[in-house]
Amino acid sequence: MSDIAKNNKTTIQIFIAIAVIATGLFIYLNWYISPDEVTEKVTIIANTPDGCIAESFDGFPVNIGPCDAKQGDVIVGTYDAKIKERQILMNPTN
């Protein structure tokens, strides 16, 4: 093989490797990091300056953002469901 053909083959292999890595990172970002929003009835635990802290249906505290509810009110709130997965990973004793 000539040097030009070997250089082209190596360049194509490097380009394919970079494309595979970039595609893998893109899939990772979209699958694991993007939010998975859930809307359900939640019970307000506290109303803080950072937003309302509510207890989800399965007992996890979640921040649903600003709201006008008081402690103990049951409202419909939207939150990122992946927060629960991250909380479980941070406290594996439960």
PDB file of N, CA and C in Angstrom:
ATOM      1  N   MET A   1       0.839  -1.187   0.000  1.00  0.00           N
ATOM      2  CA  MET A   1       0.000   0.000   0.000  1.00  0.00           C
ATOM      3  C   MET A   1       0.878   1.243   0.000  1.00  0.00           C
ATOM      4  N   SER A   2       0.387   2.213  -0.646  1.00  0.00           N
ATOM      5  CA  SER A   2       1.143   3.464  -0.671  1.00  0.00           C
ATOM      6  C   SER A   2       0.918   4.239   0.622  1.00  0.00           C
ATOM      7  N   ASP A   3       1.768   5.211   0.886  1.00  0.00           N
ATOM      8  CA  ASP A   3       1.654   6.021   2.095  1.00  0.00           C
ATOM      9  C   ASP A   3       0.353   6.819   2.115  1.00  0.00           C
ATOM     10  N   ILE A   4      -0.097   7.274   0.959  1.00  0.00           N
ATOM     11  CA  ILE A   4      -1.334   8.053   0.890  1.00  0.00           C
ATOM     12  C   ILE A   4      -2.524   7.192   1.294  1.00  0.00           C
ATOM     13  N   ALA A   5      -2.565   5.956   0.831  1.00  0.00           N
ATOM     14  CA  ALA A   5      -3.667   5.059   1.171  1.00  0.00           C
ATOM     15  C   ALA A   5      -3.655   4.736   2.667  1.00  0.00           C
ATOM     16  N   LYS A   6      -2.478   4.513   3.254  1.00  0.00           N
ATOM     17  CA  LYS A   6      -2.384   4.229   4.688  1.00  0.00           C
ATOM     18  C   LYS A   6      -2.825   5.438   5.511  1.00  0.00           C
ATOM     19  N   ASN A   7      -2.428   6.630   5.096  1.00  0.00           N
ATOM     20  CA  ASN A   7      -2.829   7.841   5.809  1.00  0.00           C
ATOM     21  C   ASN A   7      -4.339   8.052   5.740  1.00  0.00           C
ATOM     22  N   ASN A   8      -4.931   7.794   4.575  1.00  0.00           N
ATOM     23  CA  ASN A   8      -6.375   7.936   4.431  1.00  0.00           C
ATOM     24  C   ASN A   8      -7.113   6.920   5.296  1.00  0.00           C
ATOM     25  N   LYS A   9      -6.603   5.692   5.343  1.00  0.00           N
ATOM     26  CA  LYS A   9      -7.238   4.647   6.158  1.00  0.00           C
ATOM     27  C   LYS A   9      -7.177   5.029   7.640  1.00  0.00           C
ATOM     28  N   THR A  10      -6.043   5.510   8.095  1.00  0.00           N
ATOM     29  CA  THR A  10      -5.894   5.933   9.489  1.00  0.00           C
ATOM     30  C   THR A  10      -6.796   7.122   9.797  1.00  0.00           C
ATOM     31  N   THR A  11      -6.869   8.065   8.893  1.00  0.00           N
ATOM     32  CA  THR A  11      -7.731   9.229   9.090  1.00  0.00           C
ATOM     33  C   THR A  11      -9.191   8.815   9.193  1.00  0.00           C
ATOM     34  N   ILE A  12      -9.618   7.907   8.357  1.00  0.00           N
ATOM     35  CA  ILE A  12     -11.007   7.431   8.400  1.00  0.00           C
ATOM     36  C   ILE A  12     -11.273   6.701   9.707  1.00  0.00           C
ATOM     37  N   GLN A  13     -10.340   5.887  10.177  1.00  0.00           N
ATOM     38  CA  GLN A  13     -10.524   5.168  11.439  1.00  0.00           C
ATOM     39  C   GLN A  13     -10.623   6.139  12.609  1.00  0.00           C
ATOM     40  N   ILE A  14      -9.801   7.169  12.622  1.00  0.00           N
ATOM     41  CA  ILE A  14      -9.862   8.170  13.692  1.00  0.00           C
ATOM     42  C   ILE A  14     -11.198   8.912  13.642  1.00  0.00           C
ATOM     43  N   PHE A  15     -11.638   9.275  12.460  1.00  0.00           N
ATOM     44  CA  PHE A  15     -12.911   9.968  12.311  1.00  0.00           C
ATOM     45  C   PHE A  15     -14.070   9.105  12.805  1.00  0.00           C
ATOM     46  N   ILE A  16     -14.066   7.818  12.469  1.00  0.00           N
ATOM     47  CA  ILE A  16     -15.115   6.907  12.921  1.00  0.00           C
ATOM     48  C   ILE A  16     -15.084   6.773  14.445  1.00  0.00           C
ATOM     49  N   ALA A  17     -13.901   6.667  15.034  1.00  0.00           N
ATOM     50  CA  ALA A  17     -13.781   6.564  16.496  1.00  0.00           C
ATOM     51  C   ALA A  17     -14.331   7.820  17.174  1.00  0.00           C
ATOM     52  N   ILE A  18     -14.004   8.985  16.641  1.00  0.00           N
ATOM     53  CA  ILE A  18     -14.515  10.238  17.216  1.00  0.00           C
ATOM     54  C   ILE A  18     -16.029  10.306  17.076  1.00  0.00           C
ATOM     55  N   ALA A  19     -16.568   9.890  15.944  1.00  0.00           N
ATOM     56  CA  ALA A  19     -18.019   9.904  15.729  1.00  0.00           C
ATOM     57  C   ALA A  19     -18.729   8.956  16.700  1.00  0.00           C
ATOM     58  N   VAL A  20     -18.152   7.782  16.941  1.00  0.00           N
ATOM     59  CA  VAL A  20     -18.762   6.821  17.875  1.00  0.00           C
ATOM     60  C   VAL A  20     -18.747   7.378  19.295  1.00  0.00           C
ATOM     61  N   ILE A  21     -17.648   7.974  19.715  1.00  0.00           N
ATOM     62  CA  ILE A  21     -17.556   8.552  21.062  1.00  0.00           C
ATOM     63  C   ILE A  21     -18.539   9.710  21.215  1.00  0.00           C
ATOM     64  N   ALA A  22     -18.617  10.577  20.217  1.00  0.00           N
ATOM     65  CA  ALA A  22     -19.544  11.712  20.280  1.00  0.00           C
ATOM     66  C   ALA A  22     -20.991  11.235  20.344  1.00  0.00           C
ATOM     67  N   THR A  23     -21.333  10.228  19.566  1.00  0.00           N
ATOM     68  CA  THR A  23     -22.690   9.678  19.588  1.00  0.00           C
ATOM     69  C   THR A  23     -22.988   9.058  20.958  1.00  0.00           C
ATOM     70  N   GLY A  24     -22.023   8.352  21.518  1.00  0.00           N
ATOM     71  CA  GLY A  24     -22.220   7.763  22.843  1.00  0.00           C
ATOM     72  C   GLY A  24     -22.444   8.807  23.918  1.00  0.00           C
ATOM     73  N   LEU A  25     -21.690   9.887  23.888  1.00  0.00           N
ATOM     74  CA  LEU A  25     -21.876  10.968  24.853  1.00  0.00           C
ATOM     75  C   LEU A  25     -23.236  11.637  24.679  1.00  0.00           C
ATOM     76  N   PHE A  26     -23.650  11.834  23.443  1.00  0.00           N
ATOM     77  CA  PHE A  26     -24.954  12.440  23.172  1.00  0.00           C
ATOM     78  C   PHE A  26     -26.076  11.566  23.720  1.00  0.00           C
ATOM     79  N   ILE A  27     -25.994  10.270  23.507  1.00  0.00           N
ATOM     80  CA  ILE A  27     -27.014   9.347  24.018  1.00  0.00           C
ATOM     81  C   ILE A  27     -27.005   9.358  25.543  1.00  0.00           C
ATOM     82  N   TYR A  28     -25.821   9.350  26.152  1.00  0.00           N
ATOM     83  CA  TYR A  28     -25.732   9.395  27.617  1.00  0.00           C
ATOM     84  C   TYR A  28     -26.409  10.650  28.168  1.00  0.00           C
ATOM     85  N   LEU A  29     -26.104  11.792  27.575  1.00  0.00           N
ATOM     86  CA  LEU A  29     -26.691  13.041  28.062  1.00  0.00           C
ATOM     87  C   LEU A  29     -28.198  13.045  27.931  1.00  0.00           C
ATOM     88  N   ASN A  30     -28.717  12.534  26.843  1.00  0.00           N
ATOM     89  CA  ASN A  30     -30.169  12.537  26.642  1.00  0.00           C
ATOM     90  C   ASN A  30     -30.877  11.484  27.480  1.00  0.00           C
ATOM     91  N   TRP A  31     -30.245  10.374  27.748  1.00  0.00           N
ATOM     92  CA  TRP A  31     -30.904   9.287  28.472  1.00  0.00           C
ATOM     93  C   TRP A  31     -30.815   9.465  29.991  1.00  0.00           C
ATOM     94  N   TYR A  32     -29.648   9.781  30.509  1.00  0.00           N
ATOM     95  CA  TYR A  32     -29.447   9.790  31.948  1.00  0.00           C
ATOM     96  C   TYR A  32     -29.566  11.157  32.607  1.00  0.00           C
ATOM     97  N   ILE A  33     -29.320  12.221  31.892  1.00  0.00           N
ATOM     98  CA  ILE A  33     -29.277  13.532  32.521  1.00  0.00           C
ATOM     99  C   ILE A  33     -30.538  14.351  32.263  1.00  0.00           C
ATOM    100  N   SER A  34     -31.179  14.149  31.135  1.00  0.00           N
ATOM    101  CA  SER A  34     -32.373  14.940  30.845  1.00  0.00           C
ATOM    102  C   SER A  34     -33.472  14.605  31.849  1.00  0.00           C
ATOM    103  N   PRO A  35     -34.281  15.592  32.229  1.00  0.00           N
ATOM    104  CA  PRO A  35     -35.295  15.359  33.251  1.00  0.00           C
ATOM    105  C   PRO A  35     -36.431  14.458  32.762  1.00  0.00           C
ATOM    106  N   ASP A  36     -37.014  13.753  33.695  1.00  0.00           N
ATOM    107  CA  ASP A  36     -38.181  12.911  33.446  1.00  0.00           C
ATOM    108  C   ASP A  36     -39.295  13.477  34.322  1.00  0.00           C
ATOM    109  N   GLU A  37     -40.055  14.416  33.781  1.00  0.00           N
ATOM    110  CA  GLU A  37     -41.031  15.146  34.589  1.00  0.00           C
ATOM    111  C   GLU A  37     -42.291  14.324  34.836  1.00  0.00           C
ATOM    112  N   VAL A  38     -42.746  14.375  36.085  1.00  0.00           N
ATOM    113  CA  VAL A  38     -43.941  13.674  36.521  1.00  0.00           C
ATOM    114  C   VAL A  38     -44.878  14.696  37.150  1.00  0.00           C
ATOM    115  N   THR A  39     -46.156  14.587  36.844  1.00  0.00           N
ATOM    116  CA  THR A  39     -47.155  15.450  37.462  1.00  0.00           C
ATOM    117  C   THR A  39     -48.091  14.575  38.287  1.00  0.00           C
ATOM    118  N   GLU A  40     -48.194  14.878  39.583  1.00  0.00           N
ATOM    119  CA  GLU A  40     -49.056  14.092  40.472  1.00  0.00           C
ATOM    120  C   GLU A  40     -49.462  14.944  41.667  1.00  0.00           C
ATOM    121  N   LYS A  41     -50.375  14.405  42.459  1.00  0.00           N
ATOM    122  CA  LYS A  41     -50.776  15.092  43.694  1.00  0.00           C
ATOM    123  C   LYS A  41     -49.672  14.931  44.723  1.00  0.00           C
ATOM    124  N   VAL A  42     -49.286  16.052  45.333  1.00  0.00           N
ATOM    125  CA  VAL A  42     -48.234  16.049  46.348  1.00  0.00           C
ATOM    126  C   VAL A  42     -48.721  16.814  47.573  1.00  0.00           C
ATOM    127  N   THR A  43     -48.149  16.496  48.726  1.00  0.00           N
ATOM    128  CA  THR A  43     -48.460  17.190  49.974  1.00  0.00           C
ATOM    129  C   THR A  43     -47.328  18.161  50.276  1.00  0.00           C
ATOM    130  N   ILE A  44     -47.662  19.409  50.518  1.00  0.00           N
ATOM    131  CA  ILE A  44     -46.657  20.432  50.783  1.00  0.00           C
ATOM    132  C   ILE A  44     -46.062  20.220  52.173  1.00  0.00           C
ATOM    133  N   ILE A  45     -44.737  20.156  52.232  1.00  0.00           N
ATOM    134  CA  ILE A  45     -44.019  20.037  53.498  1.00  0.00           C
ATOM    135  C   ILE A  45     -43.624  21.426  53.998  1.00  0.00           C
ATOM    136  N   ALA A  46     -43.112  22.251  53.086  1.00  0.00           N
ATOM    137  CA  ALA A  46     -42.667  23.594  53.459  1.00  0.00           C
ATOM    138  C   ALA A  46     -42.693  24.492  52.224  1.00  0.00           C
ATOM    139  N   ASN A  47     -42.889  25.789  52.473  1.00  0.00           N
ATOM    140  CA  ASN A  47     -42.833  26.785  51.407  1.00  0.00           C
ATOM    141  C   ASN A  47     -41.608  27.655  51.683  1.00  0.00           C
ATOM    142  N   THR A  48     -40.546  27.468  50.901  1.00  0.00           N
ATOM    143  CA  THR A  48     -39.277  28.155  51.116  1.00  0.00           C
ATOM    144  C   THR A  48     -39.046  29.184  50.015  1.00  0.00           C
ATOM    145  N   PRO A  49     -38.052  30.062  50.178  1.00  0.00           N
ATOM    146  CA  PRO A  49     -37.738  31.009  49.101  1.00  0.00           C
ATOM    147  C   PRO A  49     -37.284  30.328  47.805  1.00  0.00           C
ATOM    148  N   ASP A  50     -36.764  29.098  47.913  1.00  0.00           N
ATOM    149  CA  ASP A  50     -36.326  28.364  46.726  1.00  0.00           C
ATOM    150  C   ASP A  50     -37.455  27.599  46.047  1.00  0.00           C
ATOM    151  N   GLY A  51     -38.625  27.579  46.626  1.00  0.00           N
ATOM    152  CA  GLY A  51     -39.773  26.868  46.070  1.00  0.00           C
ATOM    153  C   GLY A  51     -40.434  26.009  47.126  1.00  0.00           C
ATOM    154  N   CYS A  52     -41.527  25.401  46.735  1.00  0.00           N
ATOM    155  CA  CYS A  52     -42.258  24.537  47.663  1.00  0.00           C
ATOM    156  C   CYS A  52     -41.620  23.159  47.707  1.00  0.00           C
ATOM    157  N   ILE A  53     -41.402  22.685  48.915  1.00  0.00           N
ATOM    158  CA  ILE A  53     -40.913  21.327  49.125  1.00  0.00           C
ATOM    159  C   ILE A  53     -42.139  20.478  49.419  1.00  0.00           C
ATOM    160  N   ALA A  54     -42.305  19.432  48.616  1.00  0.00           N
ATOM    161  CA  ALA A  54     -43.488  18.597  48.742  1.00  0.00           C
ATOM    162  C   ALA A  54     -43.079  17.142  48.908  1.00  0.00           C
ATOM    163  N   GLU A  55     -44.007  16.352  49.427  1.00  0.00           N
ATOM    164  CA  GLU A  55     -43.778  14.917  49.551  1.00  0.00           C
ATOM    165  C   GLU A  55     -44.534  14.228  48.434  1.00  0.00           C
ATOM    166  N   SER A  56     -43.814  13.448  47.637  1.00  0.00           N
ATOM    167  CA  SER A  56     -44.436  12.758  46.512  1.00  0.00           C
ATOM    168  C   SER A  56     -45.282  11.594  47.011  1.00  0.00           C
ATOM    169  N   PHE A  57     -45.973  10.951  46.095  1.00  0.00           N
ATOM    170  CA  PHE A  57     -46.870   9.848  46.414  1.00  0.00           C
ATOM    171  C   PHE A  57     -46.154   8.731  47.156  1.00  0.00           C
ATOM    172  N   ASP A  58     -44.884   8.487  46.795  1.00  0.00           N
ATOM    173  CA  ASP A  58     -44.139   7.402  47.422  1.00  0.00           C
ATOM    174  C   ASP A  58     -43.201   7.856  48.535  1.00  0.00           C
ATOM    175  N   GLY A  59     -43.405   9.090  49.047  1.00  0.00           N
ATOM    176  CA  GLY A  59     -42.717   9.525  50.249  1.00  0.00           C
ATOM    177  C   GLY A  59     -41.407  10.263  50.064  1.00  0.00           C
ATOM    178  N   PHE A  60     -41.055  10.658  48.863  1.00  0.00           N
ATOM    179  CA  PHE A  60     -39.809  11.385  48.628  1.00  0.00           C
ATOM    180  C   PHE A  60     -40.050  12.889  48.674  1.00  0.00           C
ATOM    181  N   PRO A  61     -39.153  13.637  49.331  1.00  0.00           N
ATOM    182  CA  PRO A  61     -39.271  15.101  49.296  1.00  0.00           C
ATOM    183  C   PRO A  61     -38.751  15.626  47.959  1.00  0.00           C
ATOM    184  N   VAL A  62     -39.559  16.461  47.311  1.00  0.00           N
ATOM    185  CA  VAL A  62     -39.184  17.025  46.012  1.00  0.00           C
ATOM    186  C   VAL A  62     -39.480  18.517  46.005  1.00  0.00           C
ATOM    187  N   ASN A  63     -38.691  19.266  45.237  1.00  0.00           N
ATOM    188  CA  ASN A  63     -38.919  20.698  45.079  1.00  0.00           C
ATOM    189  C   ASN A  63     -39.762  20.882  43.823  1.00  0.00           C
ATOM    190  N   ILE A  64     -40.948  21.472  43.975  1.00  0.00           N
ATOM    191  CA  ILE A  64     -41.834  21.649  42.817  1.00  0.00           C
ATOM    192  C   ILE A  64     -41.821  23.079  42.299  1.00  0.00           C
ATOM    193  N   GLY A  65     -40.937  23.907  42.851  1.00  0.00           N
ATOM    194  CA  GLY A  65     -40.845  25.288  42.385  1.00  0.00           C
ATOM    195  C   GLY A  65     -41.754  26.206  43.182  1.00  0.00           C
ATOM    196  N   PRO A  66     -41.831  27.469  42.773  1.00  0.00           N
ATOM    197  CA  PRO A  66     -42.643  28.437  43.512  1.00  0.00           C
ATOM    198  C   PRO A  66     -44.126  28.062  43.506  1.00  0.00           C
ATOM    199  N   CYS A  67     -44.775  28.254  44.650  1.00  0.00           N
ATOM    200  CA  CYS A  67     -46.216  28.007  44.745  1.00  0.00           C
ATOM    201  C   CYS A  67     -46.789  28.842  45.888  1.00  0.00           C
ATOM    202  N   ASP A  68     -48.103  28.942  45.923  1.00  0.00           N
ATOM    203  CA  ASP A  68     -48.792  29.725  46.950  1.00  0.00           C
ATOM    204  C   ASP A  68     -49.407  28.843  48.032  1.00  0.00           C
ATOM    205  N   ALA A  69     -49.084  27.572  48.060  1.00  0.00           N
ATOM    206  CA  ALA A  69     -49.695  26.638  49.007  1.00  0.00           C
ATOM    207  C   ALA A  69     -49.060  26.761  50.388  1.00  0.00           C
ATOM    208  N   LYS A  70     -49.790  26.284  51.376  1.00  0.00           N
ATOM    209  CA  LYS A  70     -49.309  26.266  52.759  1.00  0.00           C
ATOM    210  C   LYS A  70     -48.974  24.837  53.151  1.00  0.00           C
ATOM    211  N   GLN A  71     -48.242  24.699  54.247  1.00  0.00           N
ATOM    212  CA  GLN A  71     -47.865  23.384  54.743  1.00  0.00           C
ATOM    213  C   GLN A  71     -49.113  22.541  54.983  1.00  0.00           C
ATOM    214  N   GLY A  72     -49.087  21.302  54.470  1.00  0.00           N
ATOM    215  CA  GLY A  72     -50.203  20.387  54.642  1.00  0.00           C
ATOM    216  C   GLY A  72     -51.186  20.369  53.480  1.00  0.00           C
ATOM    217  N   ASP A  73     -51.131  21.376  52.601  1.00  0.00           N
ATOM    218  CA  ASP A  73     -52.029  21.402  51.442  1.00  0.00           C
ATOM    219  C   ASP A  73     -51.648  20.301  50.463  1.00  0.00           C
ATOM    220  N   VAL A  74     -52.657  19.759  49.792  1.00  0.00           N
ATOM    221  CA  VAL A  74     -52.439  18.772  48.735  1.00  0.00           C
ATOM    222  C   VAL A  74     -52.729  19.465  47.411  1.00  0.00           C
ATOM    223  N   ILE A  75     -51.693  19.518  46.555  1.00  0.00           N
ATOM    224  CA  ILE A  75     -51.833  20.175  45.260  1.00  0.00           C
ATOM    225  C   ILE A  75     -51.262  19.268  44.172  1.00  0.00           C
ATOM    226  N   VAL A  76     -51.488  19.643  42.933  1.00  0.00           N
ATOM    227  CA  VAL A  76     -50.895  18.931  41.810  1.00  0.00           C
ATOM    228  C   VAL A  76     -49.595  19.639  41.468  1.00  0.00           C
ATOM    229  N   GLY A  77     -48.504  18.896  41.492  1.00  0.00           N
ATOM    230  CA  GLY A  77     -47.189  19.475  41.230  1.00  0.00           C
ATOM    231  C   GLY A  77     -46.412  18.661  40.219  1.00  0.00           C
ATOM    232  N   THR A  78     -45.491  19.324  39.526  1.00  0.00           N
ATOM    233  CA  THR A  78     -44.625  18.669  38.546  1.00  0.00           C
ATOM    234  C   THR A  78     -43.191  18.709  39.055  1.00  0.00           C
ATOM    235  N   TYR A  79     -42.509  17.576  38.982  1.00  0.00           N
ATOM    236  CA  TYR A  79     -41.121  17.491  39.433  1.00  0.00           C
ATOM    237  C   TYR A  79     -40.369  16.476  38.592  1.00  0.00           C
ATOM    238  N   ASP A  80     -39.051  16.484  38.728  1.00  0.00           N
ATOM    239  CA  ASP A  80     -38.182  15.559  38.000  1.00  0.00           C
ATOM    240  C   ASP A  80     -38.151  14.224  38.747  1.00  0.00           C
ATOM    241  N   ALA A  81     -38.642  13.171  38.133  1.00  0.00           N
ATOM    242  CA  ALA A  81     -38.712  11.859  38.779  1.00  0.00           C
ATOM    243  C   ALA A  81     -37.325  11.262  39.005  1.00  0.00           C
ATOM    244  N   LYS A  82     -36.339  11.702  38.255  1.00  0.00           N
ATOM    245  CA  LYS A  82     -34.988  11.165  38.430  1.00  0.00           C
ATOM    246  C   LYS A  82     -34.356  11.628  39.736  1.00  0.00           C
ATOM    247  N   ILE A  83     -34.939  12.641  40.370  1.00  0.00           N
ATOM    248  CA  ILE A  83     -34.456  13.081  41.677  1.00  0.00           C
ATOM    249  C   ILE A  83     -34.553  11.930  42.675  1.00  0.00           C
ATOM    250  N   LYS A  84     -35.630  11.160  42.596  1.00  0.00           N
ATOM    251  CA  LYS A  84     -35.805  10.035  43.511  1.00  0.00           C
ATOM    252  C   LYS A  84     -34.703   8.997  43.317  1.00  0.00           C
ATOM    253  N   GLU A  85     -34.355   8.710  42.058  1.00  0.00           N
ATOM    254  CA  GLU A  85     -33.283   7.754  41.792  1.00  0.00           C
ATOM    255  C   GLU A  85     -31.968   8.242  42.376  1.00  0.00           C
ATOM    256  N   ARG A  86     -31.701   9.538  42.231  1.00  0.00           N
ATOM    257  CA  ARG A  86     -30.457  10.094  42.753  1.00  0.00           C
ATOM    258  C   ARG A  86     -30.450  10.061  44.280  1.00  0.00           C
ATOM    259  N   GLN A  87     -31.605  10.289  44.913  1.00  0.00           N
ATOM    260  CA  GLN A  87     -31.673  10.225  46.370  1.00  0.00           C
ATOM    261  C   GLN A  87     -31.412   8.810  46.864  1.00  0.00           C
ATOM    262  N   ILE A  88     -31.932   7.832  46.170  1.00  0.00           N
ATOM    263  CA  ILE A  88     -31.704   6.434  46.556  1.00  0.00           C
ATOM    264  C   ILE A  88     -30.220   6.089  46.432  1.00  0.00           C
ATOM    265  N   LEU A  89     -29.576   6.568  45.377  1.00  0.00           N
ATOM    266  CA  LEU A  89     -28.155   6.285  45.191  1.00  0.00           C
ATOM    267  C   LEU A  89     -27.306   6.954  46.276  1.00  0.00           C
ATOM    268  N   MET A  90     -27.741   8.124  46.755  1.00  0.00           N
ATOM    269  CA  MET A  90     -26.981   8.836  47.784  1.00  0.00           C
ATOM    270  C   MET A  90     -27.168   8.221  49.167  1.00  0.00           C
ATOM    271  N   ASN A  91     -28.270   7.496  49.386  1.00  0.00           N
ATOM    272  CA  ASN A  91     -28.551   6.890  50.682  1.00  0.00           C
ATOM    273  C   ASN A  91     -28.953   5.441  50.466  1.00  0.00           C
ATOM    274  N   PRO A  92     -27.995   4.550  50.241  1.00  0.00           N
ATOM    275  CA  PRO A  92     -28.327   3.158  49.905  1.00  0.00           C
ATOM    276  C   PRO A  92     -28.778   2.303  51.092  1.00  0.00           C
ATOM    277  N   THR A  93     -28.868   2.879  52.289  1.00  0.00           N
ATOM    278  CA  THR A  93     -29.249   2.079  53.461  1.00  0.00           C
ATOM    279  C   THR A  93     -30.732   1.791  53.533  1.00  0.00           C
ATOM    280  N   ASN A  94     -31.548   2.500  52.755  1.00  0.00           N
ATOM    281  CA  ASN A  94     -33.003   2.277  52.803  1.00  0.00           C
ATOM    282  C   ASN A  94     -33.395   1.057  52.036  1.00  0.00           C
TER     283      ASN A  94
END
